[in-house]
């Protein structure tokens, strides 16, 4: 029973529903679908066990807020 509660907590802020919410703007809807697609791609590529190891605290949309720094140099 505790295992199921842990899973529910880890996906608490994820909306995988393909329908647009009542109070959701179209741009927010498209962003959410894109983020869901990225999450599912990572899950499919890595597999369940590696995904759980990569995100032990669970996943939410805040992981997309951090912008990676550009480490490439042109010279």
Protein backbone atom coordinates (compact mmCIF):
# COMPACT_ATOMS: atom_id res chain seq x y z
CA UNK A 1 0.00 0.00 0.00
CA UNK A 2 2.83 2.41 0.82
CA UNK A 3 4.42 1.67 -2.55
CA UNK A 4 1.29 2.84 -4.37
CA UNK A 5 1.21 6.05 -2.33
CA UNK A 6 4.83 6.71 -3.32
CA UNK A 7 3.96 6.31 -6.99
CA UNK A 8 0.96 8.59 -6.68
CA UNK A 9 3.10 11.26 -5.02
CA UNK A 10 5.75 11.06 -7.73
CA UNK A 11 3.19 11.73 -10.47
CA UNK A 12 1.04 14.17 -8.54
CA UNK A 13 1.86 17.20 -10.72
CA UNK A 14 1.86 15.41 -14.08
CA UNK A 15 -1.20 15.60 -16.33
CA UNK A 16 -0.85 12.95 -19.04
CA UNK A 17 -4.39 13.51 -20.29
CA UNK A 18 -4.43 14.38 -23.99
CA UNK A 19 -7.50 16.60 -23.60
CA UNK A 20 -7.15 20.29 -23.00
CA UNK A 21 -8.27 21.40 -19.55
CA UNK A 22 -11.15 23.84 -19.06
CA UNK A 23 -8.95 26.59 -17.64
CA UNK A 24 -5.90 25.79 -19.78
CA UNK A 25 -4.90 28.16 -22.57
CA UNK A 26 -4.02 26.68 -25.94
CA UNK A 27 -0.35 27.64 -25.61
CA UNK A 28 -0.13 26.05 -22.15
CA UNK A 29 -1.81 22.95 -23.57
CA UNK A 30 0.73 22.67 -26.39
CA UNK A 31 3.64 23.18 -23.96
CA UNK A 32 2.24 20.46 -21.67
CA UNK A 33 1.86 18.02 -24.57
CA UNK A 34 5.45 18.71 -25.64
CA UNK A 35 6.75 18.17 -22.10
CA UNK A 36 4.73 14.95 -21.76
CA UNK A 37 6.21 13.75 -25.03
CA UNK A 38 9.75 14.41 -23.76
CA UNK A 39 9.06 12.60 -20.47
CA UNK A 40 7.59 9.58 -22.22
CA UNK A 41 10.52 9.47 -24.65
CA UNK A 42 13.00 9.41 -21.75
CA UNK A 43 10.92 6.67 -20.11
CA UNK A 44 10.77 4.54 -23.26
CA UNK A 45 14.50 4.90 -23.98
CA UNK A 46 15.76 4.29 -20.45
CA UNK A 47 13.21 1.78 -19.19
CA UNK A 48 11.33 1.71 -15.93
CA UNK A 49 14.17 0.86 -13.54
CA UNK A 50 16.63 3.40 -14.95
CA UNK A 51 13.92 6.06 -15.05
CA UNK A 52 13.16 5.45 -11.39
CA UNK A 53 16.88 5.65 -10.62
CA UNK A 54 17.25 8.90 -12.58
CA UNK A 55 14.27 10.51 -10.84
CA UNK A 56 14.01 8.96 -7.36
CA UNK A 57 11.90 11.87 -6.07
CA UNK A 58 9.51 11.61 -9.00
CA UNK A 59 8.96 13.94 -11.92
CA UNK A 60 7.03 17.13 -12.44
CA UNK A 61 6.95 20.00 -14.89
CA UNK A 62 9.44 22.10 -12.91
CA UNK A 63 12.26 20.00 -14.35
CA UNK A 64 11.65 21.80 -17.67
CA UNK A 65 11.97 25.26 -16.07
CA UNK A 66 15.76 25.09 -15.72
CA UNK A 67 17.43 26.22 -18.94
CA UNK A 68 20.71 24.39 -19.67
CA UNK A 69 23.71 26.64 -20.09
CA UNK A 70 25.33 26.79 -23.49
CA UNK A 71 28.74 25.19 -22.99
CA UNK A 72 29.77 25.23 -26.65
CA UNK A 73 32.45 27.71 -27.60
CA UNK A 74 33.10 29.01 -31.08
CA UNK A 75 36.75 29.49 -30.88
